[in-house]
Amino acid sequence: MNFEEQAGKSVLSRAGVSVPQGRLCASAQEAEEAARAIGPVVVKAQVPTGKRGKSGGVKLAATPEEAAAAAQAILGMEIGGFPVARVLVEEQAAIAREFYAAVLNDPASRSPLVLFSTEGGMDIEEVAATRPESLRRMAVDIRKGFGPADARRLLLGLDLGEAAVPVAGMLVDLYRVYRLHDAELLEINPLALLADGRVVPLDCKLTVDDSALYRQADIAELGAKEPLSALEERGRALDLKYIELEGNVGVLANGAGLTMTTMDVVSHAGGRPSNFLEIGGEAYTKGTEALDLVLSNPGVKSLVVNFCGAFARTDVMAGGVIQAWKTLNPTIPVFFSIHGTGEDEAVRMVREELGIEPYDRMEDAISAAVEAAR
C-alpha cells in the first residue's frame, strides 16, 4: 500500500518524528485559509507517486491569495495517472542544505538497506548512475537492527559539520518507523537541514507491505486507495485475485506462481496476456465467476487454461471450468494444459465433455493460444 506525502508524514509524526506544519485541503478556499494561518507556504499535490514537482504539482505561495491560486491550478491535475483531489499546504522551510535518506527492502542483500546522500532534492536514480560515490549504502542485519553507531559509521567522512548528529538520529528514527510499520520503502527527499539547525523531512514516500496490513490497522486507513478498473473491482468483490492487463490472451491458472509463469510464457511466445487470475485454494469453487471475469474483457481473443496439481486435484478444477464453459458458452478458442494430481481424469473430462484435446506441454498450449489471438 502506498501513502501520499501527508499520510506518510502523519505516520512519522505518530512515531515522534518532527515534521513541518501543514494542512490537507480540498479546495482553493481551504488552501487560502490554511496559508492565512501558517504564513508563506508550499502547495503540493497529494498523489501516491513521485515527479510531482516536474509535473507542476508543487508551487510556492507567499500570500494566502497565491496559495489559493496555486491550489486552483493543481487541483484537478493528473499526475502519474492519479487525479489530484487534495493538496498539502505546508509551511515554507528556511533550507540550509538538502539530503536524501531512505530505508528499503533490498533483494540483492536480502535485508533492509539504509541509503543516504548529501545530494538531496534530485532524482536519486540520476545520482546513483552519475555520482555513485555520493550515495552511501548500509545493509542491515535485522537481528541486530540499525542504531546510532551504525548511523555514524554510514555517515563517516561526509562533510556534515554539526548536522551529523541530528542526521544520524533521523536515520535511526527512519529505520525504526520502517520496521515498526512493515514498510517496503520509506524515502525522504529532501531531508532538509534548516537554518536553525533542525533536520526535518520535507517530503515522504511510504510503501507498506500489503501482506502485513492486518498488523497495521492503525495506519492502513491513511493509505491511498488502489485505483481499480471495473473488472478489478468485480474481482475484488468476488474475492478473486484479478489484475487487468492490455493483452488479448486470457489466462486462467491455479496458484500465483504458475499464473505468472503462464503470463511470462505468453509474452515469450510473442503474445500479450490480458490478465492475471489464479484460482488456487478455495477459489477453484468459483470457476464460473472466474471464467466470466476473464471473458468480460472485450479484448480477449483466446484463452489458455493451465492447471498443475499437487495437493489440489486437477480433475476437480477442470470440472469447475467445464461446468463454467457449458454455462457461459463462449465462442473464443480455449487451450488446456493439465498436469499433476488427477490429470488423467481431468484430461478425459475435457476431451469427452468439451471435445477439446489438452496439450501435453504447457508451451505448446500457450503458443497455440497466442497464435489464435493474432
Protein backbone atom coordinates (compact mmCIF):
# COMPACT_ATOMS: atom_id res chain seq x y z
CA MET A 1 0.00 0.00 0.00
CA ASN A 2 1.28 3.42 -0.99
CA PHE A 3 0.87 6.52 1.13
CA GLU A 4 0.58 10.10 -0.06
CA GLU A 5 3.07 12.57 1.38
CA GLN A 6 0.75 13.96 4.06
CA ALA A 7 -0.24 10.45 5.18
CA GLY A 8 3.40 9.36 5.31
CA LYS A 9 4.30 12.40 7.39
CA SER A 10 1.40 11.61 9.70
CA VAL A 11 2.93 8.16 10.27
CA LEU A 12 6.29 9.81 11.02
CA SER A 13 4.67 12.27 13.40
CA ARG A 14 2.87 9.49 15.29
CA ALA A 15 6.27 7.86 15.76
CA GLY A 16 7.74 11.04 17.26
CA VAL A 17 9.50 12.41 14.17
CA SER A 18 9.12 16.19 13.82
CA VAL A 19 7.51 17.25 10.51
CA PRO A 20 6.62 20.68 9.09
CA GLN A 21 3.30 22.28 9.94
CA GLY A 22 0.72 21.72 7.23
CA ARG A 23 -2.92 21.23 6.37
CA LEU A 24 -4.66 18.96 3.90
CA CYS A 25 -7.01 20.97 1.66
CA ALA A 26 -9.57 20.01 -0.95
CA SER A 27 -10.34 23.46 -2.35
CA ALA A 28 -8.70 26.78 -3.15
CA GLN A 29 -10.63 28.41 -0.31
CA GLU A 30 -9.32 25.89 2.20
CA ALA A 31 -5.79 26.47 0.91
CA GLU A 32 -6.18 30.22 1.33
CA GLU A 33 -7.41 29.79 4.90
CA ALA A 34 -4.52 27.44 5.68
CA ALA A 35 -1.96 29.89 4.32
CA ARG A 36 -3.52 32.71 6.30
CA ALA A 37 -2.93 30.70 9.48
CA ILE A 38 0.52 29.35 8.57
CA GLY A 39 2.20 32.12 6.58
CA PRO A 40 4.32 31.56 3.43
CA VAL A 41 3.62 28.02 2.24
CA VAL A 42 4.30 25.33 -0.32
CA VAL A 43 1.22 23.92 -2.05
CA LYS A 44 1.76 20.28 -3.03
CA ALA A 45 -0.38 17.81 -4.94
CA GLN A 46 -1.25 14.73 -2.91
CA VAL A 47 -0.94 11.63 -5.06
CA PRO A 48 0.84 8.34 -4.28
CA THR A 49 3.57 8.85 -6.87
CA GLY A 50 6.71 10.89 -7.46
CA LYS A 51 7.72 13.55 -10.02
CA ARG A 52 5.12 15.96 -8.68
CA GLY A 53 7.38 18.97 -8.97
CA LYS A 54 8.28 18.22 -12.58
CA SER A 55 4.58 17.86 -13.35
CA GLY A 56 3.72 21.28 -11.91
CA GLY A 57 2.22 19.81 -8.77
CA VAL A 58 4.37 21.78 -6.29
CA LYS A 59 4.15 25.58 -6.04
CA LEU A 60 5.44 28.22 -3.62
CA ALA A 61 2.99 30.77 -2.25
CA ALA A 62 3.99 33.87 -0.29
CA THR A 63 0.43 35.02 0.44
CA PRO A 64 -2.95 33.43 1.08
CA GLU A 65 -4.12 34.64 -2.34
CA GLU A 66 -1.16 32.98 -4.03
CA ALA A 67 -1.89 29.78 -2.11
CA ALA A 68 -5.47 29.82 -3.38
CA ALA A 69 -4.30 30.35 -6.96
CA ALA A 70 -1.73 27.55 -6.63
CA ALA A 71 -4.32 25.14 -5.25
CA GLN A 72 -6.74 26.09 -8.01
CA ALA A 73 -4.09 25.29 -10.61
CA ILE A 74 -3.08 21.97 -9.03
CA LEU A 75 -6.46 20.53 -8.06
CA GLY A 76 -7.88 18.51 -10.93
CA MET A 77 -4.48 17.77 -12.46
CA GLU A 78 -3.49 14.20 -13.26
CA ILE A 79 -0.02 13.12 -12.15
CA GLY A 80 1.27 9.65 -12.87
CA GLY A 81 -2.25 8.50 -13.71
CA PHE A 82 -3.67 9.78 -10.40
CA PRO A 83 -6.16 12.68 -10.29
CA VAL A 84 -5.28 15.37 -7.74
CA ALA A 85 -8.19 15.81 -5.34
CA ARG A 86 -6.27 17.30 -2.39
CA VAL A 87 -3.24 19.46 -1.76
CA LEU A 88 -0.94 19.76 1.24
CA VAL A 89 -0.46 23.38 2.26
CA GLU A 90 2.75 23.34 4.28
CA GLU A 91 4.97 25.97 5.85
CA GLN A 92 7.95 27.07 3.82
CA ALA A 93 11.25 25.99 5.31
CA ALA A 94 14.46 28.00 5.61
CA ILE A 95 16.65 25.36 3.96
CA ALA A 96 20.40 25.40 4.56
CA ARG A 97 21.18 22.03 2.91
CA GLU A 98 19.26 19.19 1.31
CA PHE A 99 19.99 15.49 1.81
CA TYR A 100 18.47 12.22 0.67
CA ALA A 101 17.59 9.36 3.05
CA ALA A 102 15.74 6.09 2.61
CA VAL A 103 15.20 2.65 4.09
CA LEU A 104 14.02 -0.05 1.72
CA ASN A 105 13.79 -3.76 1.09
CA ASP A 106 16.89 -4.81 -0.86
CA PRO A 107 16.59 -8.06 -2.86
CA ALA A 108 20.35 -8.13 -3.56
CA SER A 109 21.39 -8.26 0.11
CA ARG A 110 18.11 -9.84 1.23
CA SER A 111 17.92 -7.30 4.02
CA PRO A 112 16.79 -3.77 4.78
CA LEU A 113 19.04 -1.19 3.17
CA VAL A 114 19.67 2.29 4.58
CA LEU A 115 20.61 4.90 1.99
CA PHE A 116 21.96 8.42 2.46
CA SER A 117 23.25 11.08 0.10
CA THR A 118 24.31 14.68 0.55
CA GLU A 119 22.66 15.39 -2.81
CA GLY A 120 19.01 15.66 -1.84
CA GLY A 121 16.22 17.14 -3.91
CA MET A 122 17.43 15.34 -7.05
CA ASP A 123 16.39 12.12 -8.78
CA ILE A 124 18.25 9.52 -6.77
CA GLU A 125 18.49 7.30 -9.87
CA GLU A 126 20.49 10.02 -11.58
CA VAL A 127 22.74 10.46 -8.54
CA ALA A 128 23.36 6.70 -8.32
CA ALA A 129 24.17 6.49 -12.03
CA THR A 130 26.39 9.57 -12.38
CA ARG A 131 27.90 10.02 -8.92
CA PRO A 132 27.65 6.64 -7.17
CA GLU A 133 30.31 7.63 -4.64
CA SER A 134 27.93 10.23 -3.19
CA LEU A 135 25.31 7.61 -2.27
CA ARG A 136 26.09 5.71 0.94
CA ARG A 137 24.55 2.28 1.49
CA MET A 138 24.36 0.02 4.54
CA ALA A 139 22.68 -3.39 4.59
CA VAL A 140 21.11 -4.08 7.99
CA ASP A 141 21.17 -7.35 9.90
CA ILE A 142 17.58 -7.49 11.13
CA ARG A 143 18.70 -9.48 14.19
CA LYS A 144 20.81 -6.52 15.33
CA GLY A 145 18.89 -3.58 13.88
CA PHE A 146 20.23 -0.15 13.00
CA GLY A 147 21.41 2.06 15.86
CA PRO A 148 23.33 5.30 16.42
CA ALA A 149 26.71 3.62 15.94
CA ASP A 150 25.59 2.23 12.59
CA ALA A 151 24.33 5.64 11.51
CA ARG A 152 27.62 7.30 12.46
CA ARG A 153 29.55 4.68 10.53
CA LEU A 154 27.36 5.24 7.46
CA LEU A 155 27.99 9.00 7.61
CA LEU A 156 31.69 8.76 8.37
CA GLY A 157 33.80 11.07 6.24
CA LEU A 158 30.91 13.16 4.91
CA ASP A 159 31.14 16.92 5.34
CA LEU A 160 28.08 17.33 7.54
CA GLY A 161 29.52 19.50 10.29
CA GLU A 162 27.15 19.97 13.23
CA ALA A 163 24.37 18.37 11.20
CA ALA A 164 25.99 14.94 11.60
CA VAL A 165 24.34 14.29 14.97
CA PRO A 166 20.74 15.17 14.02
CA VAL A 167 21.11 13.42 10.65
CA ALA A 168 22.30 10.24 12.37
CA GLY A 169 19.38 10.47 14.76
CA MET A 170 16.97 10.88 11.86
CA LEU A 171 18.33 7.78 10.11
CA VAL A 172 17.82 5.75 13.28
CA ASP A 173 14.26 7.09 13.54
CA LEU A 174 13.51 6.26 9.90
CA TYR A 175 14.70 2.69 10.34
CA ARG A 176 12.56 2.39 13.47
CA VAL A 177 9.46 3.58 11.59
CA TYR A 178 10.28 1.29 8.67
CA ARG A 179 10.47 -1.75 10.96
CA LEU A 180 7.52 -0.74 13.13
CA HIS A 181 5.18 -0.42 10.18
CA ASP A 182 6.29 -3.32 7.94
CA ALA A 183 7.41 -0.86 5.28
CA GLU A 184 8.86 -1.82 1.93
CA LEU A 185 10.08 1.73 1.35
CA LEU A 186 10.46 4.86 3.46
CA GLU A 187 12.07 7.61 1.40
CA ILE A 188 12.74 11.23 2.39
CA ASN A 189 13.77 13.54 -0.44
CA PRO A 190 14.69 16.08 0.55
CA LEU A 191 15.72 15.63 4.13
CA ALA A 192 16.48 19.25 4.99
CA LEU A 193 18.92 20.89 7.34
CA LEU A 194 17.20 24.13 8.34
CA ALA A 195 18.84 27.43 9.18
CA ASP A 196 18.07 26.86 12.87
CA GLY A 197 19.94 23.53 12.88
CA ARG A 198 16.94 21.20 12.82
CA VAL A 199 16.77 18.29 10.38
CA VAL A 200 13.26 17.67 9.04
CA PRO A 201 11.64 15.63 6.26
CA LEU A 202 10.24 17.94 3.58
CA ASP A 203 8.77 15.04 1.63
CA CYS A 204 7.88 11.46 2.48
CA LYS A 205 7.25 8.43 0.32
CA LEU A 206 5.96 5.42 2.26
CA THR A 207 5.02 1.98 0.97
CA VAL A 208 3.78 -0.70 3.39
CA ASP A 209 3.75 -4.43 2.63
CA ASP A 210 0.17 -5.34 1.65
CA SER A 211 0.56 -8.73 3.32
CA ALA A 212 1.22 -7.02 6.66
CA LEU A 213 -1.72 -4.62 6.61
CA TYR A 214 -3.61 -6.79 9.10
CA ARG A 215 -0.91 -5.77 11.60
CA GLN A 216 -1.10 -2.12 10.58
CA ALA A 217 -4.78 -1.38 11.13
CA ASP A 218 -3.94 1.91 12.84
CA ILE A 219 -2.34 3.37 9.70
CA ALA A 220 -3.95 1.34 6.89
CA GLU A 221 -6.84 3.79 6.75
CA LEU A 222 -4.33 6.53 5.84
CA GLY A 223 -3.10 4.68 2.74
CA ALA A 224 -4.04 5.66 -0.79
CA LYS A 225 -6.81 3.57 -2.26
CA GLU A 226 -5.59 1.48 -5.16
CA PRO A 227 -7.18 2.59 -8.46
CA LEU A 228 -9.05 -0.39 -9.88
CA SER A 229 -10.71 -1.00 -13.22
CA ALA A 230 -14.35 -2.08 -13.29
CA LEU A 231 -13.30 -5.70 -13.81
CA GLU A 232 -10.76 -5.50 -10.97
CA GLU A 233 -13.48 -4.10 -8.70
CA ARG A 234 -15.66 -7.02 -9.69
CA GLY A 235 -12.85 -9.46 -8.99
CA ARG A 236 -12.25 -7.97 -5.56
CA ALA A 237 -15.96 -8.28 -4.74
CA LEU A 238 -15.76 -11.96 -5.70
CA ASP A 239 -12.59 -12.38 -3.63
CA LEU A 240 -10.66 -13.36 -6.75
CA LYS A 241 -7.11 -12.16 -7.39
CA TYR A 242 -7.63 -10.50 -10.77
CA ILE A 243 -5.44 -7.88 -12.44
CA GLU A 244 -6.48 -6.46 -15.80
CA LEU A 245 -3.76 -6.03 -18.44
CA GLU A 246 -3.72 -4.75 -22.01
CA GLY A 247 -3.23 -8.03 -23.88
CA ASN A 248 -5.59 -10.35 -25.76
CA VAL A 249 -4.69 -13.82 -24.39
CA GLY A 250 -6.81 -14.72 -21.37
CA VAL A 251 -5.10 -16.66 -18.58
CA LEU A 252 -6.70 -19.00 -16.06
CA ALA A 253 -4.35 -20.98 -13.81
CA ASN A 254 -4.07 -22.28 -10.27
CA GLY A 255 -1.57 -20.65 -7.95
CA ALA A 256 0.14 -17.28 -8.25
CA GLY A 257 3.47 -18.77 -9.32
CA LEU A 258 2.00 -20.87 -12.14
CA THR A 259 -0.15 -17.95 -13.26
CA MET A 260 2.86 -15.63 -13.51
CA THR A 261 4.83 -18.34 -15.30
CA THR A 262 1.98 -18.73 -17.78
CA MET A 263 1.94 -14.98 -18.39
CA ASP A 264 5.71 -14.99 -18.92
CA VAL A 265 5.46 -17.79 -21.47
CA VAL A 266 2.66 -15.93 -23.28
CA SER A 267 4.98 -12.93 -23.58
CA HIS A 268 7.92 -15.16 -24.59
CA ALA A 269 5.79 -16.66 -27.36
CA GLY A 270 5.12 -13.19 -28.75
CA GLY A 271 1.69 -12.70 -27.20
CA ARG A 272 0.24 -10.36 -24.60
CA PRO A 273 -1.64 -11.68 -21.54
CA SER A 274 -4.92 -9.93 -20.84
CA ASN A 275 -4.98 -10.64 -17.14
CA PHE A 276 -3.59 -12.20 -14.01
CA LEU A 277 -6.15 -14.50 -12.40
CA GLU A 278 -5.39 -17.53 -10.26
CA ILE A 279 -7.99 -19.88 -8.90
CA GLY A 280 -5.89 -21.85 -6.44
CA GLY A 281 -7.04 -22.61 -2.92
CA GLU A 282 -10.77 -22.22 -2.34
CA ALA A 283 -11.08 -20.09 -5.48
CA TYR A 284 -11.37 -23.29 -7.55
CA THR A 285 -15.04 -23.37 -6.48
CA LYS A 286 -15.61 -20.11 -8.38
CA GLY A 287 -14.93 -21.45 -11.86
CA THR A 288 -17.94 -19.79 -13.47
CA GLU A 289 -17.27 -16.42 -11.86
CA ALA A 290 -13.58 -16.59 -12.74
CA LEU A 291 -14.16 -17.56 -16.37
CA ASP A 292 -16.83 -14.90 -16.78
CA LEU A 293 -14.44 -12.31 -15.35
CA VAL A 294 -11.71 -13.16 -17.85
CA LEU A 295 -14.10 -13.25 -20.79
CA SER A 296 -15.77 -9.97 -19.82
CA ASN A 297 -12.70 -8.19 -21.15
CA PRO A 298 -13.70 -7.47 -24.77
CA GLY A 299 -10.06 -7.59 -25.86
CA VAL A 300 -9.67 -11.31 -25.09
CA LYS A 301 -9.32 -13.33 -28.30
CA SER A 302 -8.20 -16.68 -26.88
CA LEU A 303 -7.88 -18.42 -23.53
CA VAL A 304 -5.24 -20.67 -22.02
CA VAL A 305 -6.19 -22.82 -19.02
CA ASN A 306 -3.11 -24.10 -17.22
CA PHE A 307 -3.52 -26.42 -14.22
CA CYS A 308 -0.78 -28.14 -12.27
CA GLY A 309 -1.96 -30.05 -9.21
CA ALA A 310 -0.09 -31.26 -6.15
CA PHE A 311 -2.44 -31.16 -3.17
CA ALA A 312 -5.08 -29.57 -5.41
CA ARG A 313 -6.75 -32.03 -7.77
CA THR A 314 -6.71 -31.04 -11.42
CA ASP A 315 -9.84 -33.10 -12.14
CA VAL A 316 -11.79 -31.04 -9.61
CA MET A 317 -10.51 -27.75 -11.07
CA ALA A 318 -11.15 -28.93 -14.62
CA GLY A 319 -14.67 -29.95 -13.65
CA GLY A 320 -15.33 -26.41 -12.47
CA VAL A 321 -14.07 -24.90 -15.72
CA ILE A 322 -16.04 -27.39 -17.82
CA GLN A 323 -19.24 -26.51 -15.98
CA ALA A 324 -18.46 -22.80 -16.39
CA TRP A 325 -17.78 -23.26 -20.11
CA LYS A 326 -21.13 -25.01 -20.59
CA THR A 327 -22.90 -22.30 -18.61
CA LEU A 328 -21.34 -19.31 -20.34
CA ASN A 329 -20.97 -20.92 -23.79
CA PRO A 330 -18.16 -18.63 -25.02
CA THR A 331 -17.10 -18.57 -28.66
CA ILE A 332 -13.36 -17.88 -28.31
CA PRO A 333 -10.86 -20.75 -28.69
CA VAL A 334 -9.53 -22.31 -25.48
CA PHE A 335 -6.32 -24.31 -24.96
CA PHE A 336 -5.71 -26.60 -21.99
CA SER A 337 -2.55 -27.80 -20.28
CA ILE A 338 -3.17 -30.13 -17.32
CA HIS A 339 -0.60 -31.93 -15.18
CA GLY A 340 -0.39 -33.34 -11.67
CA THR A 341 -2.80 -34.96 -9.28
CA GLY A 342 -5.90 -36.24 -11.13
CA GLU A 343 -4.58 -35.28 -14.58
CA ASP A 344 -5.75 -38.48 -16.36
CA GLU A 345 -9.32 -37.92 -15.23
CA ALA A 346 -9.10 -34.19 -15.94
CA VAL A 347 -7.82 -34.76 -19.48
CA ARG A 348 -10.55 -37.32 -20.11
CA MET A 349 -13.25 -34.91 -18.89
CA VAL A 350 -12.06 -32.05 -21.10
CA ARG A 351 -11.77 -34.37 -24.11
CA GLU A 352 -15.19 -36.00 -23.68
CA GLU A 353 -17.27 -33.11 -22.39
CA LEU A 354 -15.83 -30.22 -24.40
CA GLY A 355 -14.40 -32.08 -27.37
CA ILE A 356 -11.03 -30.40 -26.79
CA GLU A 357 -7.70 -32.22 -26.64
CA PRO A 358 -5.41 -30.82 -23.90
CA TYR A 359 -1.77 -30.29 -24.82
CA ASP A 360 1.00 -32.43 -23.37
CA ARG A 361 3.29 -29.43 -22.99
CA MET A 362 2.37 -26.09 -21.42
CA GLU A 363 4.48 -24.25 -24.01
CA ASP A 364 2.51 -25.79 -26.88
CA ALA A 365 -0.85 -24.84 -25.38
CA ILE A 366 0.28 -21.29 -24.81
CA SER A 367 1.84 -20.94 -28.28
CA ALA A 368 -1.43 -22.14 -29.82
CA ALA A 369 -3.38 -19.58 -27.74
CA VAL A 370 -1.03 -16.79 -28.81
CA GLU A 371 -1.38 -17.76 -32.49
CA ALA A 372 -5.18 -17.93 -32.20
CA ALA A 373 -5.31 -14.43 -30.72
CA ARG A 374 -3.49 -12.86 -33.68
